[in-house]
Amino acid sequence: MKLSEIFNKNESMVGSIKCLSHELGEKVITIADNFGMKNPNKAVSKSSKGIKVKKLNKDTYLIGLMMFEPPKYIVWTAPKPLTELNVVLAKIAEKFDIVSYINIVEVKTSTIPYFQLAIAKNIN
């Protein structure tokens, strides 16, 4: 299945990159940061852009930057340690979910930063 085959008709891919599984979290954070999707400075409930991840083979992923119209509603995940980001993104790739934002925060009770993902959802 091609990445374009899992898009809805109102979604379009702007660009994509391939990466190895151990680079997945770092690449998604970099893309999110470069396109204003990391640590939003206001409360958000909708998004018109996102990142879709597809597993190509055992150790390779394709990360696609997407735009969609109308904007999709987003649902925030519970905070998790940043060390779990690659595992969570691999699960997201299996479900063809779209990551619209990522929050990375320092937690006073932990030496490891935590992250939250905003998952774009179609509201019917």
PDB file of N, CA and C in Angstrom:
ATOM      1  N   MET A   1       0.844  -1.180   0.000  1.00  0.00           N
ATOM      2  CA  MET A   1       0.000   0.000   0.000  1.00  0.00           C
ATOM      3  C   MET A   1       0.888   1.241   0.000  1.00  0.00           C
ATOM      4  N   LYS A   2       0.586   2.173  -0.862  1.00  0.00           N
ATOM      5  CA  LYS A   2       1.309   3.439  -0.928  1.00  0.00           C
ATOM      6  C   LYS A   2       0.767   4.402   0.116  1.00  0.00           C
ATOM      7  N   LEU A   3       1.616   5.332   0.561  1.00  0.00           N
ATOM      8  CA  LEU A   3       1.176   6.316   1.546  1.00  0.00           C
ATOM      9  C   LEU A   3      -0.013   7.099   1.024  1.00  0.00           C
ATOM     10  N   SER A   4      -0.016   7.428  -0.259  1.00  0.00           N
ATOM     11  CA  SER A   4      -1.123   8.206  -0.833  1.00  0.00           C
ATOM     12  C   SER A   4      -2.439   7.443  -0.810  1.00  0.00           C
ATOM     13  N   GLU A   5      -2.389   6.108  -0.744  1.00  0.00           N
ATOM     14  CA  GLU A   5      -3.606   5.302  -0.725  1.00  0.00           C
ATOM     15  C   GLU A   5      -4.319   5.347   0.621  1.00  0.00           C
ATOM     16  N   ILE A   6      -3.631   5.771   1.682  1.00  0.00           N
ATOM     17  CA  ILE A   6      -4.269   5.809   2.996  1.00  0.00           C
ATOM     18  C   ILE A   6      -4.778   7.200   3.339  1.00  0.00           C
ATOM     19  N   PHE A   7      -4.650   8.138   2.411  1.00  0.00           N
ATOM     20  CA  PHE A   7      -5.176   9.481   2.623  1.00  0.00           C
ATOM     21  C   PHE A   7      -6.657   9.518   2.314  1.00  0.00           C
ATOM     22  N   ASN A   8      -7.368  10.377   3.004  1.00  0.00           N
ATOM     23  CA  ASN A   8      -8.737  10.690   2.619  1.00  0.00           C
ATOM     24  C   ASN A   8      -8.677  11.670   1.459  1.00  0.00           C
ATOM     25  N   LYS A   9      -9.790  11.897   0.811  1.00  0.00           N
ATOM     26  CA  LYS A   9      -9.808  12.792  -0.345  1.00  0.00           C
ATOM     27  C   LYS A   9      -9.466  14.226   0.016  1.00  0.00           C
ATOM     28  N   ASN A  10      -9.668  14.627   1.271  1.00  0.00           N
ATOM     29  CA  ASN A  10      -9.382  16.006   1.669  1.00  0.00           C
ATOM     30  C   ASN A  10      -7.974  16.168   2.237  1.00  0.00           C
ATOM     31  N   GLU A  11      -7.099  15.165   2.038  1.00  0.00           N
ATOM     32  CA  GLU A  11      -5.734  15.214   2.532  1.00  0.00           C
ATOM     33  C   GLU A  11      -4.759  15.230   1.361  1.00  0.00           C
ATOM     34  N   SER A  12      -3.688  15.972   1.500  1.00  0.00           N
ATOM     35  CA  SER A  12      -2.645  15.951   0.480  1.00  0.00           C
ATOM     36  C   SER A  12      -1.283  15.936   1.143  1.00  0.00           C
ATOM     37  N   MET A  13      -0.347  15.194   0.547  1.00  0.00           N
ATOM     38  CA  MET A  13       0.992  15.102   1.093  1.00  0.00           C
ATOM     39  C   MET A  13       1.858  16.202   0.492  1.00  0.00           C
ATOM     40  N   VAL A  14       2.530  16.946   1.363  1.00  0.00           N
ATOM     41  CA  VAL A  14       3.408  18.035   0.946  1.00  0.00           C
ATOM     42  C   VAL A  14       4.803  17.492   0.637  1.00  0.00           C
ATOM     43  N   GLY A  15       5.268  16.544   1.420  1.00  0.00           N
ATOM     44  CA  GLY A  15       6.587  15.954   1.236  1.00  0.00           C
ATOM     45  C   GLY A  15       6.755  14.772   2.163  1.00  0.00           C
ATOM     46  N   SER A  16       7.812  13.990   1.936  1.00  0.00           N
ATOM     47  CA  SER A  16       8.047  12.825   2.789  1.00  0.00           C
ATOM     48  C   SER A  16       9.538  12.510   2.854  1.00  0.00           C
ATOM     49  N   ILE A  17       9.906  11.789   3.905  1.00  0.00           N
ATOM     50  CA  ILE A  17      11.276  11.294   4.067  1.00  0.00           C
ATOM     51  C   ILE A  17      11.220   9.872   4.598  1.00  0.00           C
ATOM     52  N   LYS A  18      12.265   9.112   4.319  1.00  0.00           N
ATOM     53  CA  LYS A  18      12.418   7.776   4.884  1.00  0.00           C
ATOM     54  C   LYS A  18      13.398   7.860   6.040  1.00  0.00           C
ATOM     55  N   CYS A  19      13.178   6.992   7.036  1.00  0.00           N
ATOM     56  CA  CYS A  19      14.131   6.929   8.144  1.00  0.00           C
ATOM     57  C   CYS A  19      14.124   5.535   8.735  1.00  0.00           C
ATOM     58  N   LEU A  20      15.150   5.236   9.520  1.00  0.00           N
ATOM     59  CA  LEU A  20      15.227   3.970  10.239  1.00  0.00           C
ATOM     60  C   LEU A  20      14.423   4.079  11.534  1.00  0.00           C
ATOM     61  N   SER A  21      14.031   2.934  12.074  1.00  0.00           N
ATOM     62  CA  SER A  21      13.155   2.933  13.247  1.00  0.00           C
ATOM     63  C   SER A  21      13.764   3.673  14.438  1.00  0.00           C
ATOM     64  N   HIS A  22      15.076   3.590  14.626  1.00  0.00           N
ATOM     65  CA  HIS A  22      15.681   4.270  15.777  1.00  0.00           C
ATOM     66  C   HIS A  22      15.748   5.792  15.590  1.00  0.00           C
ATOM     67  N   GLU A  23      15.524   6.290  14.365  1.00  0.00           N
ATOM     68  CA  GLU A  23      15.525   7.729  14.082  1.00  0.00           C
ATOM     69  C   GLU A  23      14.117   8.332  14.073  1.00  0.00           C
ATOM     70  N   LEU A  24      13.102   7.501  14.169  1.00  0.00           N
ATOM     71  CA  LEU A  24      11.717   7.918  13.952  1.00  0.00           C
ATOM     72  C   LEU A  24      11.305   9.094  14.838  1.00  0.00           C
ATOM     73  N   GLY A  25      11.488   8.981  16.139  1.00  0.00           N
ATOM     74  CA  GLY A  25      11.092  10.048  17.054  1.00  0.00           C
ATOM     75  C   GLY A  25      11.821  11.349  16.784  1.00  0.00           C
ATOM     76  N   GLU A  26      13.118  11.257  16.579  1.00  0.00           N
ATOM     77  CA  GLU A  26      13.927  12.448  16.307  1.00  0.00           C
ATOM     78  C   GLU A  26      13.466  13.154  15.031  1.00  0.00           C
ATOM     79  N   LYS A  27      13.179  12.385  13.986  1.00  0.00           N
ATOM     80  CA  LYS A  27      12.743  12.974  12.708  1.00  0.00           C
ATOM     81  C   LYS A  27      11.369  13.625  12.844  1.00  0.00           C
ATOM     82  N   VAL A  28      10.447  12.963  13.543  1.00  0.00           N
ATOM     83  CA  VAL A  28       9.114  13.538  13.739  1.00  0.00           C
ATOM     84  C   VAL A  28       9.196  14.830  14.544  1.00  0.00           C
ATOM     85  N   ILE A  29      10.014  14.856  15.581  1.00  0.00           N
ATOM     86  CA  ILE A  29      10.187  16.074  16.383  1.00  0.00           C
ATOM     87  C   ILE A  29      10.772  17.191  15.523  1.00  0.00           C
ATOM     88  N   THR A  30      11.751  16.876  14.685  1.00  0.00           N
ATOM     89  CA  THR A  30      12.372  17.885  13.817  1.00  0.00           C
ATOM     90  C   THR A  30      11.362  18.459  12.829  1.00  0.00           C
ATOM     91  N   ILE A  31      10.586  17.597  12.200  1.00  0.00           N
ATOM     92  CA  ILE A  31       9.558  18.069  11.254  1.00  0.00           C
ATOM     93  C   ILE A  31       8.533  18.926  11.985  1.00  0.00           C
ATOM     94  N   ALA A  32       8.059  18.439  13.129  1.00  0.00           N
ATOM     95  CA  ALA A  32       7.068  19.195  13.901  1.00  0.00           C
ATOM     96  C   ALA A  32       7.617  20.572  14.286  1.00  0.00           C
ATOM     97  N   ASP A  33       8.852  20.623  14.707  1.00  0.00           N
ATOM     98  CA  ASP A  33       9.478  21.887  15.104  1.00  0.00           C
ATOM     99  C   ASP A  33       9.603  22.836  13.909  1.00  0.00           C
ATOM    100  N   ASN A  34      10.034  22.323  12.768  1.00  0.00           N
ATOM    101  CA  ASN A  34      10.232  23.159  11.581  1.00  0.00           C
ATOM    102  C   ASN A  34       8.930  23.696  10.982  1.00  0.00           C
ATOM    103  N   PHE A  35       7.818  23.027  11.254  1.00  0.00           N
ATOM    104  CA  PHE A  35       6.543  23.452  10.667  1.00  0.00           C
ATOM    105  C   PHE A  35       5.548  23.964  11.713  1.00  0.00           C
ATOM    106  N   GLY A  36       6.057  24.403  12.867  1.00  0.00           N
ATOM    107  CA  GLY A  36       5.217  25.033  13.883  1.00  0.00           C
ATOM    108  C   GLY A  36       4.244  24.088  14.569  1.00  0.00           C
ATOM    109  N   MET A  37       4.622  22.813  14.662  1.00  0.00           N
ATOM    110  CA  MET A  37       3.731  21.815  15.257  1.00  0.00           C
ATOM    111  C   MET A  37       4.293  21.265  16.574  1.00  0.00           C
ATOM    112  N   LYS A  38       5.315  21.921  17.123  1.00  0.00           N
ATOM    113  CA  LYS A  38       5.910  21.493  18.391  1.00  0.00           C
ATOM    114  C   LYS A  38       5.621  22.549  19.451  1.00  0.00           C
ATOM    115  N   ASN A  39       5.162  22.097  20.608  1.00  0.00           N
ATOM    116  CA  ASN A  39       4.865  22.957  21.749  1.00  0.00           C
ATOM    117  C   ASN A  39       4.059  24.197  21.342  1.00  0.00           C
ATOM    118  N   PRO A  40       2.803  23.989  20.917  1.00  0.00           N
ATOM    119  CA  PRO A  40       1.985  25.154  20.540  1.00  0.00           C
ATOM    120  C   PRO A  40       1.855  26.116  21.722  1.00  0.00           C
ATOM    121  N   ASN A  41       1.868  27.417  21.435  1.00  0.00           N
ATOM    122  CA  ASN A  41       1.835  28.415  22.507  1.00  0.00           C
ATOM    123  C   ASN A  41       0.425  28.823  22.907  1.00  0.00           C
ATOM    124  N   LYS A  42      -0.572  28.148  22.364  1.00  0.00           N
ATOM    125  CA  LYS A  42      -1.958  28.391  22.765  1.00  0.00           C
ATOM    126  C   LYS A  42      -2.708  27.072  22.724  1.00  0.00           C
ATOM    127  N   ALA A  43      -3.832  27.018  23.376  1.00  0.00           N
ATOM    128  CA  ALA A  43      -4.656  25.804  23.351  1.00  0.00           C
ATOM    129  C   ALA A  43      -5.199  25.600  21.944  1.00  0.00           C
ATOM    130  N   VAL A  44      -5.055  24.397  21.430  1.00  0.00           N
ATOM    131  CA  VAL A  44      -5.531  24.102  20.082  1.00  0.00           C
ATOM    132  C   VAL A  44      -6.511  22.933  20.122  1.00  0.00           C
ATOM    133  N   SER A  45      -7.519  23.002  19.262  1.00  0.00           N
ATOM    134  CA  SER A  45      -8.490  21.912  19.177  1.00  0.00           C
ATOM    135  C   SER A  45      -8.697  21.437  17.743  1.00  0.00           C
ATOM    136  N   LYS A  46      -8.085  22.139  16.771  1.00  0.00           N
ATOM    137  CA  LYS A  46      -8.177  21.760  15.365  1.00  0.00           C
ATOM    138  C   LYS A  46      -6.823  21.971  14.707  1.00  0.00           C
ATOM    139  N   SER A  47      -6.622  21.285  13.584  1.00  0.00           N
ATOM    140  CA  SER A  47      -5.378  21.455  12.839  1.00  0.00           C
ATOM    141  C   SER A  47      -5.624  21.189  11.364  1.00  0.00           C
ATOM    142  N   SER A  48      -4.859  21.885  10.511  1.00  0.00           N
ATOM    143  CA  SER A  48      -4.962  21.658   9.070  1.00  0.00           C
ATOM    144  C   SER A  48      -3.675  21.044   8.513  1.00  0.00           C
ATOM    145  N   LYS A  49      -2.776  20.610   9.405  1.00  0.00           N
ATOM    146  CA  LYS A  49      -1.563  19.927   8.963  1.00  0.00           C
ATOM    147  C   LYS A  49      -1.219  18.828   9.950  1.00  0.00           C
ATOM    148  N   GLY A  50      -0.432  17.888   9.488  1.00  0.00           N
ATOM    149  CA  GLY A  50      -0.078  16.779  10.352  1.00  0.00           C
ATOM    150  C   GLY A  50       1.013  15.924   9.755  1.00  0.00           C
ATOM    151  N   ILE A  51       1.433  14.939  10.534  1.00  0.00           N
ATOM    152  CA  ILE A  51       2.484  14.012  10.136  1.00  0.00           C
ATOM    153  C   ILE A  51       1.897  12.606  10.155  1.00  0.00           C
ATOM    154  N   LYS A  52       2.005  11.918   9.017  1.00  0.00           N
ATOM    155  CA  LYS A  52       1.546  10.537   8.932  1.00  0.00           C
ATOM    156  C   LYS A  52       2.775   9.645   8.789  1.00  0.00           C
ATOM    157  N   VAL A  53       2.791   8.562   9.557  1.00  0.00           N
ATOM    158  CA  VAL A  53       3.923   7.640   9.565  1.00  0.00           C
ATOM    159  C   VAL A  53       3.458   6.297   9.017  1.00  0.00           C
ATOM    160  N   LYS A  54       4.253   5.716   8.115  1.00  0.00           N
ATOM    161  CA  LYS A  54       3.940   4.408   7.534  1.00  0.00           C
ATOM    162  C   LYS A  54       5.165   3.523   7.636  1.00  0.00           C
ATOM    163  N   LYS A  55       4.968   2.301   8.100  1.00  0.00           N
ATOM    164  CA  LYS A  55       6.065   1.339   8.170  1.00  0.00           C
ATOM    165  C   LYS A  55       6.262   0.727   6.788  1.00  0.00           C
ATOM    166  N   LEU A  56       7.479   0.834   6.258  1.00  0.00           N
ATOM    167  CA  LEU A  56       7.778   0.284   4.932  1.00  0.00           C
ATOM    168  C   LEU A  56       8.273  -1.151   5.006  1.00  0.00           C
ATOM    169  N   ASN A  57       9.122  -1.439   5.976  1.00  0.00           N
ATOM    170  CA  ASN A  57       9.609  -2.800   6.212  1.00  0.00           C
ATOM    171  C   ASN A  57      10.054  -2.910   7.663  1.00  0.00           C
ATOM    172  N   LYS A  58      10.772  -3.959   7.996  1.00  0.00           N
ATOM    173  CA  LYS A  58      11.123  -4.235   9.395  1.00  0.00           C
ATOM    174  C   LYS A  58      11.749  -3.053  10.123  1.00  0.00           C
ATOM    175  N   ASP A  59      12.604  -2.298   9.439  1.00  0.00           N
ATOM    176  CA  ASP A  59      13.349  -1.243  10.129  1.00  0.00           C
ATOM    177  C   ASP A  59      13.247   0.130   9.465  1.00  0.00           C
ATOM    178  N   THR A  60      12.349   0.306   8.494  1.00  0.00           N
ATOM    179  CA  THR A  60      12.272   1.562   7.752  1.00  0.00           C
ATOM    180  C   THR A  60      10.854   2.124   7.785  1.00  0.00           C
ATOM    181  N   TYR A  61      10.787   3.443   7.983  1.00  0.00           N
ATOM    182  CA  TYR A  61       9.505   4.152   8.013  1.00  0.00           C
ATOM    183  C   TYR A  61       9.504   5.279   6.989  1.00  0.00           C
ATOM    184  N   LEU A  62       8.319   5.625   6.524  1.00  0.00           N
ATOM    185  CA  LEU A  62       8.125   6.791   5.680  1.00  0.00           C
ATOM    186  C   LEU A  62       7.321   7.798   6.493  1.00  0.00           C
ATOM    187  N   ILE A  63       7.829   9.023   6.596  1.00  0.00           N
ATOM    188  CA  ILE A  63       7.155  10.088   7.332  1.00  0.00           C
ATOM    189  C   ILE A  63       6.663  11.098   6.306  1.00  0.00           C
ATOM    190  N   GLY A  64       5.358  11.339   6.288  1.00  0.00           N
ATOM    191  CA  GLY A  64       4.782  12.284   5.333  1.00  0.00           C
ATOM    192  C   GLY A  64       4.208  13.506   6.028  1.00  0.00           C
ATOM    193  N   LEU A  65       4.531  14.696   5.521  1.00  0.00           N
ATOM    194  CA  LEU A  65       3.932  15.937   6.002  1.00  0.00           C
ATOM    195  C   LEU A  65       2.675  16.163   5.182  1.00  0.00           C
ATOM    196  N   MET A  66       1.548  16.376   5.852  1.00  0.00           N
ATOM    197  CA  MET A  66       0.262  16.467   5.183  1.00  0.00           C
ATOM    198  C   MET A  66      -0.452  17.763   5.487  1.00  0.00           C
ATOM    199  N   MET A  67      -1.320  18.140   4.573  1.00  0.00           N
ATOM    200  CA  MET A  67      -2.237  19.274   4.758  1.00  0.00           C
ATOM    201  C   MET A  67      -3.640  18.734   4.508  1.00  0.00           C
ATOM    202  N   PHE A  68      -4.619  19.264   5.240  1.00  0.00           N
ATOM    203  CA  PHE A  68      -5.993  18.851   5.006  1.00  0.00           C
ATOM    204  C   PHE A  68      -6.949  20.013   5.216  1.00  0.00           C
ATOM    205  N   GLU A  69      -8.022  19.961   4.454  1.00  0.00           N
ATOM    206  CA  GLU A  69      -9.073  20.980   4.508  1.00  0.00           C
ATOM    207  C   GLU A  69     -10.403  20.266   4.369  1.00  0.00           C
ATOM    208  N   PRO A  70     -11.331  20.429   5.239  1.00  0.00           N
ATOM    209  CA  PRO A  70     -11.314  21.341   6.391  1.00  0.00           C
ATOM    210  C   PRO A  70     -10.393  20.814   7.491  1.00  0.00           C
ATOM    211  N   PRO A  71     -10.037  21.679   8.442  1.00  0.00           N
ATOM    212  CA  PRO A  71      -9.190  21.238   9.559  1.00  0.00           C
ATOM    213  C   PRO A  71      -9.835  20.082  10.324  1.00  0.00           C
ATOM    214  N   LYS A  72      -9.008  19.252  10.933  1.00  0.00           N
ATOM    215  CA  LYS A  72      -9.494  18.119  11.724  1.00  0.00           C
ATOM    216  C   LYS A  72      -9.437  18.471  13.206  1.00  0.00           C
ATOM    217  N   TYR A  73     -10.351  17.876  13.956  1.00  0.00           N
ATOM    218  CA  TYR A  73     -10.292  18.006  15.408  1.00  0.00           C
ATOM    219  C   TYR A  73      -9.136  17.171  15.918  1.00  0.00           C
ATOM    220  N   ILE A  74      -8.558  17.576  17.038  1.00  0.00           N
ATOM    221  CA  ILE A  74      -7.445  16.823  17.604  1.00  0.00           C
ATOM    222  C   ILE A  74      -7.768  16.364  19.017  1.00  0.00           C
ATOM    223  N   VAL A  75      -7.156  15.252  19.387  1.00  0.00           N
ATOM    224  CA  VAL A  75      -7.297  14.669  20.717  1.00  0.00           C
ATOM    225  C   VAL A  75      -5.887  14.466  21.266  1.00  0.00           C
ATOM    226  N   TRP A  76      -5.640  14.995  22.459  1.00  0.00           N
ATOM    227  CA  TRP A  76      -4.309  14.890  23.072  1.00  0.00           C
ATOM    228  C   TRP A  76      -4.170  13.569  23.815  1.00  0.00           C
ATOM    229  N   THR A  77      -3.003  12.940  23.689  1.00  0.00           N
ATOM    230  CA  THR A  77      -2.716  11.712  24.432  1.00  0.00           C
ATOM    231  C   THR A  77      -2.258  12.069  25.846  1.00  0.00           C
ATOM    232  N   ALA A  78      -2.220  11.071  26.694  1.00  0.00           N
ATOM    233  CA  ALA A  78      -1.682  11.259  28.046  1.00  0.00           C
ATOM    234  C   ALA A  78      -0.158  11.422  27.949  1.00  0.00           C
ATOM    235  N   PRO A  79       0.445  12.170  28.864  1.00  0.00           N
ATOM    236  CA  PRO A  79       1.903  12.339  28.840  1.00  0.00           C
ATOM    237  C   PRO A  79       2.625  11.007  29.044  1.00  0.00           C
ATOM    238  N   LYS A  80       3.733  10.823  28.321  1.00  0.00           N
ATOM    239  CA  LYS A  80       4.570   9.628  28.444  1.00  0.00           C
ATOM    240  C   LYS A  80       6.032  10.060  28.423  1.00  0.00           C
ATOM    241  N   PRO A  81       6.921   9.246  29.004  1.00  0.00           N
ATOM    242  CA  PRO A  81       8.343   9.575  28.950  1.00  0.00           C
ATOM    243  C   PRO A  81       8.840   9.618  27.497  1.00  0.00           C
ATOM    244  N   LEU A  82       9.708  10.560  27.189  1.00  0.00           N
ATOM    245  CA  LEU A  82      10.219  10.738  25.830  1.00  0.00           C
ATOM    246  C   LEU A  82      10.920   9.478  25.319  1.00  0.00           C
ATOM    247  N   THR A  83      11.421   8.664  26.215  1.00  0.00           N
ATOM    248  CA  THR A  83      12.076   7.413  25.815  1.00  0.00           C
ATOM    249  C   THR A  83      11.108   6.450  25.132  1.00  0.00           C
ATOM    250  N   GLU A  84       9.799   6.654  25.264  1.00  0.00           N
ATOM    251  CA  GLU A  84       8.786   5.786  24.658  1.00  0.00           C
ATOM    252  C   GLU A  84       8.274   6.306  23.307  1.00  0.00           C
ATOM    253  N   LEU A  85       8.807   7.423  22.834  1.00  0.00           N
ATOM    254  CA  LEU A  85       8.279   8.051  21.621  1.00  0.00           C
ATOM    255  C   LEU A  85       8.346   7.133  20.402  1.00  0.00           C
ATOM    256  N   ASN A  86       9.464   6.463  20.167  1.00  0.00           N
ATOM    257  CA  ASN A  86       9.565   5.581  18.999  1.00  0.00           C
ATOM    258  C   ASN A  86       8.521   4.473  19.030  1.00  0.00           C
ATOM    259  N   VAL A  87       8.279   3.893  20.198  1.00  0.00           N
ATOM    260  CA  VAL A  87       7.290   2.817  20.338  1.00  0.00           C
ATOM    261  C   VAL A  87       5.887   3.349  20.045  1.00  0.00           C
ATOM    262  N   VAL A  88       5.561   4.517  20.584  1.00  0.00           N
ATOM    263  CA  VAL A  88       4.239   5.115  20.361  1.00  0.00           C
ATOM    264  C   VAL A  88       4.048   5.459  18.880  1.00  0.00           C
ATOM    265  N   LEU A  89       5.064   6.006  18.246  1.00  0.00           N
ATOM    266  CA  LEU A  89       4.956   6.346  16.822  1.00  0.00           C
ATOM    267  C   LEU A  89       4.801   5.095  15.961  1.00  0.00           C
ATOM    268  N   ALA A  90       5.451   3.995  16.339  1.00  0.00           N
ATOM    269  CA  ALA A  90       5.278   2.734  15.604  1.00  0.00           C
ATOM    270  C   ALA A  90       3.831   2.249  15.703  1.00  0.00           C
ATOM    271  N   LYS A  91       3.210   2.408  16.861  1.00  0.00           N
ATOM    272  CA  LYS A  91       1.794   2.029  17.021  1.00  0.00           C
ATOM    273  C   LYS A  91       0.893   2.942  16.202  1.00  0.00           C
ATOM    274  N   ILE A  92       1.224   4.223  16.150  1.00  0.00           N
ATOM    275  CA  ILE A  92       0.457   5.181  15.356  1.00  0.00           C
ATOM    276  C   ILE A  92       0.538   4.821  13.879  1.00  0.00           C
ATOM    277  N   ALA A  93       1.707   4.365  13.439  1.00  0.00           N
ATOM    278  CA  ALA A  93       1.881   3.962  12.040  1.00  0.00           C
ATOM    279  C   ALA A  93       0.969   2.793  11.691  1.00  0.00           C
ATOM    280  N   GLU A  94       0.765   1.874  12.630  1.00  0.00           N
ATOM    281  CA  GLU A  94      -0.111   0.722  12.391  1.00  0.00           C
ATOM    282  C   GLU A  94      -1.568   1.145  12.219  1.00  0.00           C
ATOM    283  N   LYS A  95      -1.962   2.211  12.904  1.00  0.00           N
ATOM    284  CA  LYS A  95      -3.363   2.672  12.859  1.00  0.00           C
ATOM    285  C   LYS A  95      -3.590   3.755  11.814  1.00  0.00           C
ATOM    286  N   PHE A  96      -2.534   4.203  11.122  1.00  0.00           N
ATOM    287  CA  PHE A  96      -2.616   5.276  10.131  1.00  0.00           C
ATOM    288  C   PHE A  96      -3.120   6.581  10.730  1.00  0.00           C
ATOM    289  N   ASP A  97      -2.865   6.790  12.027  1.00  0.00           N
ATOM    290  CA  ASP A  97      -3.240   8.051  12.672  1.00  0.00           C
ATOM    291  C   ASP A  97      -2.327   9.178  12.195  1.00  0.00           C
ATOM    292  N   ILE A  98      -2.767  10.404  12.436  1.00  0.00           N
ATOM    293  CA  ILE A  98      -2.018  11.594  12.033  1.00  0.00           C
ATOM    294  C   ILE A  98      -1.645  12.379  13.281  1.00  0.00           C
ATOM    295  N   VAL A  99      -0.361  12.715  13.420  1.00  0.00           N
ATOM    296  CA  VAL A  99       0.124  13.528  14.531  1.00  0.00           C
ATOM    297  C   VAL A  99       0.083  14.983  14.084  1.00  0.00           C
ATOM    298  N   SER A 100      -0.714  15.801  14.784  1.00  0.00           N
ATOM    299  CA  SER A 100      -0.816  17.218  14.422  1.00  0.00           C
ATOM    300  C   SER A 100       0.098  18.114  15.246  1.00  0.00           C
ATOM    301  N   TYR A 101       0.321  17.763  16.495  1.00  0.00           N
ATOM    302  CA  TYR A 101       1.207  18.535  17.363  1.00  0.00           C
ATOM    303  C   TYR A 101       1.925  17.589  18.307  1.00  0.00           C
ATOM    304  N   ILE A 102       3.068  18.037  18.807  1.00  0.00           N
ATOM    305  CA  ILE A 102       3.771  17.322  19.866  1.00  0.00           C
ATOM    306  C   ILE A 102       4.192  18.342  20.917  1.00  0.00           C
ATOM    307  N   ASN A 103       3.897  18.029  22.160  1.00  0.00           N
ATOM    308  CA  ASN A 103       4.368  18.816  23.304  1.00  0.00           C
ATOM    309  C   ASN A 103       5.494  18.037  23.952  1.00  0.00           C
ATOM    310  N   ILE A 104       6.586  18.701  24.230  1.00  0.00           N
ATOM    311  CA  ILE A 104       7.671  18.088  25.002  1.00  0.00           C
ATOM    312  C   ILE A 104       7.880  18.969  26.222  1.00  0.00           C
ATOM    313  N   VAL A 105       7.732  18.367  27.400  1.00  0.00           N
ATOM    314  CA  VAL A 105       7.779  19.145  28.637  1.00  0.00           C
ATOM    315  C   VAL A 105       8.721  18.502  29.650  1.00  0.00           C
ATOM    316  N   GLU A 106       9.305  19.341  30.458  1.00  0.00           N
ATOM    317  CA  GLU A 106      10.113  18.881  31.577  1.00  0.00           C
ATOM    318  C   GLU A 106       9.179  18.679  32.771  1.00  0.00           C
ATOM    319  N   VAL A 107       9.362  17.587  33.475  1.00  0.00           N
ATOM    320  CA  VAL A 107       8.560  17.279  34.654  1.00  0.00           C
ATOM    321  C   VAL A 107       9.485  17.340  35.867  1.00  0.00           C
ATOM    322  N   LYS A 108       9.088  18.099  36.869  1.00  0.00           N
ATOM    323  CA  LYS A 108       9.964  18.323  38.033  1.00  0.00           C
ATOM    324  C   LYS A 108      10.340  17.030  38.749  1.00  0.00           C
ATOM    325  N   THR A 109       9.472  16.027  38.700  1.00  0.00           N
ATOM    326  CA  THR A 109       9.729  14.784  39.420  1.00  0.00           C
ATOM    327  C   THR A 109      10.491  13.753  38.592  1.00  0.00           C
ATOM    328  N   SER A 110      10.954  14.133  37.396  1.00  0.00           N
ATOM    329  CA  SER A 110      11.638  13.187  36.520  1.00  0.00           C
ATOM    330  C   SER A 110      12.835  13.855  35.837  1.00  0.00           C
ATOM    331  N   THR A 111      13.866  13.062  35.584  1.00  0.00           N
ATOM    332  CA  THR A 111      15.019  13.569  34.838  1.00  0.00           C
ATOM    333  C   THR A 111      14.800  13.416  33.331  1.00  0.00           C
ATOM    334  N   ILE A 112      13.773  12.677  32.939  1.00  0.00           N
ATOM    335  CA  ILE A 112      13.463  12.436  31.532  1.00  0.00           C
ATOM    336  C   ILE A 112      12.311  13.353  31.107  1.00  0.00           C
ATOM    337  N   PRO A 113      12.441  14.061  29.988  1.00  0.00           N
ATOM    338  CA  PRO A 113      11.305  14.862  29.493  1.00  0.00           C
ATOM    339  C   PRO A 113      10.129  13.950  29.127  1.00  0.00           C
ATOM    340  N   TYR A 114       8.945  14.524  29.128  1.00  0.00           N
ATOM    341  CA  TYR A 114       7.733  13.813  28.742  1.00  0.00           C
ATOM    342  C   TYR A 114       7.194  14.419  27.451  1.00  0.00           C
ATOM    343  N   PHE A 115       6.373  13.651  26.733  1.00  0.00           N
ATOM    344  CA  PHE A 115       5.755  14.161  25.511  1.00  0.00           C
ATOM    345  C   PHE A 115       4.260  13.840  25.516  1.00  0.00           C
ATOM    346  N   GLN A 116       3.539  14.638  24.758  1.00  0.00           N
ATOM    347  CA  GLN A 116       2.122  14.414  24.461  1.00  0.00           C
ATOM    348  C   GLN A 116       1.962  14.608  22.959  1.00  0.00           C
ATOM    349  N   LEU A 117       1.095  13.812  22.349  1.00  0.00           N
ATOM    350  CA  LEU A 117       0.813  13.956  20.926  1.00  0.00           C
ATOM    351  C   LEU A 117      -0.630  14.402  20.741  1.00  0.00           C
ATOM    352  N   ALA A 118      -0.853  15.263  19.777  1.00  0.00           N
ATOM    353  CA  ALA A 118      -2.206  15.631  19.370  1.00  0.00           C
ATOM    354  C   ALA A 118      -2.509  14.808  18.117  1.00  0.00           C
ATOM    355  N   ILE A 119      -3.497  13.938  18.217  1.00  0.00           N
ATOM    356  CA  ILE A 119      -3.870  13.052  17.123  1.00  0.00           C
ATOM    357  C   ILE A 119      -5.073  13.660  16.408  1.00  0.00           C
ATOM    358  N   ALA A 120      -4.949  13.849  15.090  1.00  0.00           N
ATOM    359  CA  ALA A 120      -6.050  14.418  14.289  1.00  0.00           C
ATOM    360  C   ALA A 120      -7.115  13.354  14.068  1.00  0.00           C
ATOM    361  N   LYS A 121      -8.364  13.749  14.213  1.00  0.00           N
ATOM    362  CA  LYS A 121      -9.494  12.826  14.051  1.00  0.00           C
ATOM    363  C   LYS A 121     -10.517  13.429  13.113  1.00  0.00           C
ATOM    364  N   ASN A 122     -11.101  12.588  12.280  1.00  0.00           N
ATOM    365  CA  ASN A 122     -12.236  13.004  11.477  1.00  0.00           C
ATOM    366  C   ASN A 122     -13.469  12.962  12.361  1.00  0.00           C
ATOM    367  N   ILE A 123     -14.233  14.029  12.372  1.00  0.00           N
ATOM    368  CA  ILE A 123     -15.482  14.081  13.132  1.00  0.00           C
ATOM    369  C   ILE A 123     -16.626  13.989  12.142  1.00  0.00           C
ATOM    370  N   ASN A 124     -17.360  12.908  12.220  1.00  0.00           N
ATOM    371  CA  ASN A 124     -18.479  12.712  11.275  1.00  0.00           C
ATOM    372  C   ASN A 124     -19.794  13.064  11.926  1.00  0.00           C
TER     373      ASN A 124
END
